[in-house]
N, C-alpha and C. Protein backbone atom coordinates (compact mmCIF):
# COMPACT_ATOMS: atom_id res chain seq x y z
N UNK A 1 75.75 102.43 102.39
CA UNK A 1 74.74 102.58 101.37
C UNK A 1 73.60 103.41 101.94
N UNK A 2 73.06 104.27 101.12
CA UNK A 2 71.96 105.14 101.51
C UNK A 2 70.83 105.01 100.50
N UNK A 3 69.62 105.22 100.96
CA UNK A 3 68.48 105.37 100.05
C UNK A 3 67.85 106.73 100.32
N UNK A 4 67.40 107.36 99.27
CA UNK A 4 66.71 108.64 99.40
C UNK A 4 65.29 108.43 98.91
N UNK A 5 64.34 108.62 99.79
CA UNK A 5 62.93 108.39 99.50
C UNK A 5 62.20 109.73 99.55
N UNK A 6 61.93 110.28 98.39
CA UNK A 6 61.31 111.60 98.38
C UNK A 6 60.02 111.61 97.60
N UNK A 7 59.20 112.55 97.94
CA UNK A 7 57.94 112.75 97.23
C UNK A 7 58.14 113.70 96.07
N UNK A 8 57.06 114.17 95.47
CA UNK A 8 57.15 115.07 94.32
C UNK A 8 57.92 116.35 94.66
N UNK A 9 58.67 116.81 93.69
CA UNK A 9 59.47 118.03 93.85
C UNK A 9 58.77 119.17 93.13
N UNK A 10 58.81 120.34 93.71
CA UNK A 10 58.16 121.51 93.14
C UNK A 10 58.99 122.06 91.98
N UNK A 11 58.85 121.40 90.82
CA UNK A 11 59.52 121.84 89.60
C UNK A 11 58.47 121.89 88.49
N UNK A 12 58.83 122.49 87.39
CA UNK A 12 57.89 122.66 86.28
C UNK A 12 57.30 121.33 85.81
N UNK A 13 58.11 120.29 85.75
CA UNK A 13 57.65 118.99 85.27
C UNK A 13 56.51 118.42 86.12
N UNK A 14 56.47 118.74 87.40
CA UNK A 14 55.47 118.17 88.31
C UNK A 14 54.31 119.13 88.61
N UNK A 15 54.18 120.20 87.86
CA UNK A 15 53.13 121.19 88.13
C UNK A 15 51.74 120.60 88.12
N UNK A 16 51.49 119.63 87.27
CA UNK A 16 50.16 119.08 87.10
C UNK A 16 49.76 118.08 88.20
N UNK A 17 50.72 117.60 88.99
CA UNK A 17 50.37 116.64 90.03
C UNK A 17 49.63 117.35 91.16
N UNK A 18 48.43 116.86 91.48
CA UNK A 18 47.61 117.51 92.52
C UNK A 18 47.99 117.05 93.92
N UNK A 19 49.21 117.34 94.32
CA UNK A 19 49.68 116.93 95.64
C UNK A 19 50.66 117.97 96.16
N UNK A 20 50.93 117.92 97.46
CA UNK A 20 51.90 118.84 98.03
C UNK A 20 53.29 118.51 97.48
N UNK A 21 54.03 119.55 97.17
CA UNK A 21 55.38 119.38 96.66
C UNK A 21 56.32 120.27 97.47
N UNK A 22 57.41 119.69 97.90
CA UNK A 22 58.40 120.45 98.66
C UNK A 22 59.36 121.15 97.70
N UNK A 23 59.95 122.21 98.16
CA UNK A 23 60.94 122.96 97.40
C UNK A 23 62.17 122.09 97.14
N UNK A 24 62.67 122.10 95.91
CA UNK A 24 63.82 121.28 95.53
C UNK A 24 65.06 121.61 96.37
N UNK A 25 65.29 122.88 96.64
CA UNK A 25 66.47 123.26 97.43
C UNK A 25 66.35 122.77 98.87
N UNK A 26 65.16 122.81 99.42
CA UNK A 26 64.95 122.33 100.79
C UNK A 26 65.18 120.82 100.86
N UNK A 27 64.70 120.12 99.84
CA UNK A 27 64.93 118.67 99.80
C UNK A 27 66.41 118.36 99.71
N UNK A 28 67.12 119.11 98.88
CA UNK A 28 68.57 118.89 98.74
C UNK A 28 69.27 119.10 100.07
N UNK A 29 68.89 120.14 100.80
CA UNK A 29 69.48 120.39 102.12
C UNK A 29 69.21 119.22 103.07
N UNK A 30 67.98 118.68 103.03
CA UNK A 30 67.63 117.57 103.90
C UNK A 30 68.38 116.29 103.51
N UNK A 31 68.62 116.10 102.22
CA UNK A 31 69.39 114.93 101.78
C UNK A 31 70.82 115.05 102.28
N UNK A 32 71.41 116.21 102.14
CA UNK A 32 72.78 116.42 102.62
C UNK A 32 72.86 116.20 104.12
N UNK A 33 71.89 116.70 104.85
CA UNK A 33 71.87 116.50 106.31
C UNK A 33 71.79 115.01 106.64
N UNK A 34 70.97 114.26 105.91
CA UNK A 34 70.87 112.82 106.14
C UNK A 34 72.18 112.10 105.86
N UNK A 35 72.87 112.51 104.79
CA UNK A 35 74.17 111.92 104.48
C UNK A 35 75.19 112.25 105.57
N UNK A 36 75.20 113.48 106.02
CA UNK A 36 76.13 113.90 107.08
C UNK A 36 75.88 113.14 108.37
N UNK A 37 74.62 112.78 108.62
CA UNK A 37 74.27 112.03 109.83
C UNK A 37 74.37 110.53 109.61
N UNK A 38 74.82 110.13 108.41
CA UNK A 38 75.01 108.73 108.03
C UNK A 38 73.74 107.90 108.20
N UNK A 39 72.61 108.50 107.85
CA UNK A 39 71.34 107.78 107.90
C UNK A 39 71.27 106.82 106.71
N UNK A 40 70.81 105.61 106.94
CA UNK A 40 70.69 104.64 105.86
C UNK A 40 69.51 104.99 104.95
N UNK A 41 68.38 105.33 105.54
CA UNK A 41 67.19 105.72 104.78
C UNK A 41 66.94 107.19 105.04
N UNK A 42 66.94 107.96 103.98
CA UNK A 42 66.79 109.41 104.09
C UNK A 42 65.42 109.81 103.53
N UNK A 43 64.67 110.54 104.33
CA UNK A 43 63.36 111.03 103.94
C UNK A 43 63.39 112.56 103.98
N UNK A 44 63.68 113.20 102.85
CA UNK A 44 63.83 114.66 102.85
C UNK A 44 62.53 115.43 102.91
N UNK A 45 61.39 114.73 102.90
CA UNK A 45 60.10 115.42 103.00
C UNK A 45 59.07 114.46 103.57
N UNK A 46 57.98 115.01 104.06
CA UNK A 46 56.94 114.20 104.70
C UNK A 46 56.22 113.30 103.69
N UNK A 47 56.04 113.75 102.47
CA UNK A 47 55.37 112.93 101.47
C UNK A 47 56.16 111.66 101.20
N UNK A 48 57.46 111.77 101.07
CA UNK A 48 58.31 110.60 100.87
C UNK A 48 58.21 109.62 102.03
N UNK A 49 58.18 110.16 103.24
CA UNK A 49 58.06 109.31 104.43
C UNK A 49 56.71 108.58 104.41
N UNK A 50 55.65 109.29 104.09
CA UNK A 50 54.32 108.68 104.05
C UNK A 50 54.22 107.63 102.95
N UNK A 51 54.81 107.90 101.79
CA UNK A 51 54.80 106.92 100.71
C UNK A 51 55.55 105.66 101.10
N UNK A 52 56.68 105.82 101.78
CA UNK A 52 57.46 104.67 102.23
C UNK A 52 56.66 103.84 103.24
N UNK A 53 56.01 104.50 104.18
CA UNK A 53 55.21 103.79 105.18
C UNK A 53 54.05 103.05 104.52
N UNK A 54 53.43 103.66 103.52
CA UNK A 54 52.35 102.99 102.79
C UNK A 54 52.89 101.77 102.07
N UNK A 55 54.03 101.91 101.40
CA UNK A 55 54.65 100.78 100.70
C UNK A 55 54.97 99.65 101.66
N UNK A 56 55.48 100.03 102.82
CA UNK A 56 55.85 99.02 103.81
C UNK A 56 54.64 98.24 104.32
N UNK A 57 53.52 98.91 104.48
CA UNK A 57 52.33 98.24 105.02
C UNK A 57 51.49 97.57 103.92
N UNK A 58 51.46 98.16 102.70
CA UNK A 58 50.66 97.58 101.62
C UNK A 58 51.12 98.18 100.30
N UNK A 59 52.07 97.50 99.65
CA UNK A 59 52.67 98.06 98.43
C UNK A 59 51.63 98.29 97.33
N UNK A 60 50.56 97.52 97.34
CA UNK A 60 49.53 97.72 96.31
C UNK A 60 48.78 99.03 96.52
N UNK A 61 48.65 99.44 97.75
CA UNK A 61 48.03 100.74 98.03
C UNK A 61 48.90 101.87 97.46
N UNK A 62 50.21 101.73 97.59
CA UNK A 62 51.11 102.73 97.01
C UNK A 62 50.98 102.74 95.48
N UNK A 63 50.87 101.57 94.88
CA UNK A 63 50.66 101.51 93.43
C UNK A 63 49.40 102.26 93.04
N UNK A 64 48.33 102.09 93.80
CA UNK A 64 47.07 102.79 93.52
C UNK A 64 47.24 104.30 93.68
N UNK A 65 47.95 104.69 94.73
CA UNK A 65 48.16 106.13 94.97
C UNK A 65 48.91 106.78 93.81
N UNK A 66 49.98 106.14 93.37
CA UNK A 66 50.79 106.69 92.27
C UNK A 66 49.97 106.69 90.98
N UNK A 67 49.24 105.63 90.74
CA UNK A 67 48.37 105.57 89.56
C UNK A 67 47.37 106.73 89.58
N UNK A 68 46.72 106.92 90.71
CA UNK A 68 45.72 107.99 90.83
C UNK A 68 46.34 109.37 90.65
N UNK A 69 47.53 109.58 91.22
CA UNK A 69 48.22 110.87 91.04
C UNK A 69 48.53 111.10 89.56
N UNK A 70 49.01 110.07 88.91
CA UNK A 70 49.39 110.19 87.50
C UNK A 70 48.17 110.49 86.63
N UNK A 71 47.07 109.82 86.89
CA UNK A 71 45.90 109.99 86.04
C UNK A 71 45.05 111.21 86.41
N UNK A 72 45.32 111.80 87.57
CA UNK A 72 44.61 113.02 87.94
C UNK A 72 45.26 114.23 87.28
N UNK A 73 46.49 114.08 86.84
CA UNK A 73 47.25 115.19 86.25
C UNK A 73 46.76 115.55 84.87
């Protein structure tokens, strides 16, 4: 079993989010690399890794971050 934890993707739908977004193709390459290396938790970008670490230490802080991103758009 694998999990893929990614941040916002640089696509038209996410244009309004005021945060760094990684290229969708680059994320896909990183996901494939994680699967090939049989990683259980795959973090194809730094934003996803940071969000996961925030959730792990204080899930309510992640809720606030996502809320703020959504309402800033």
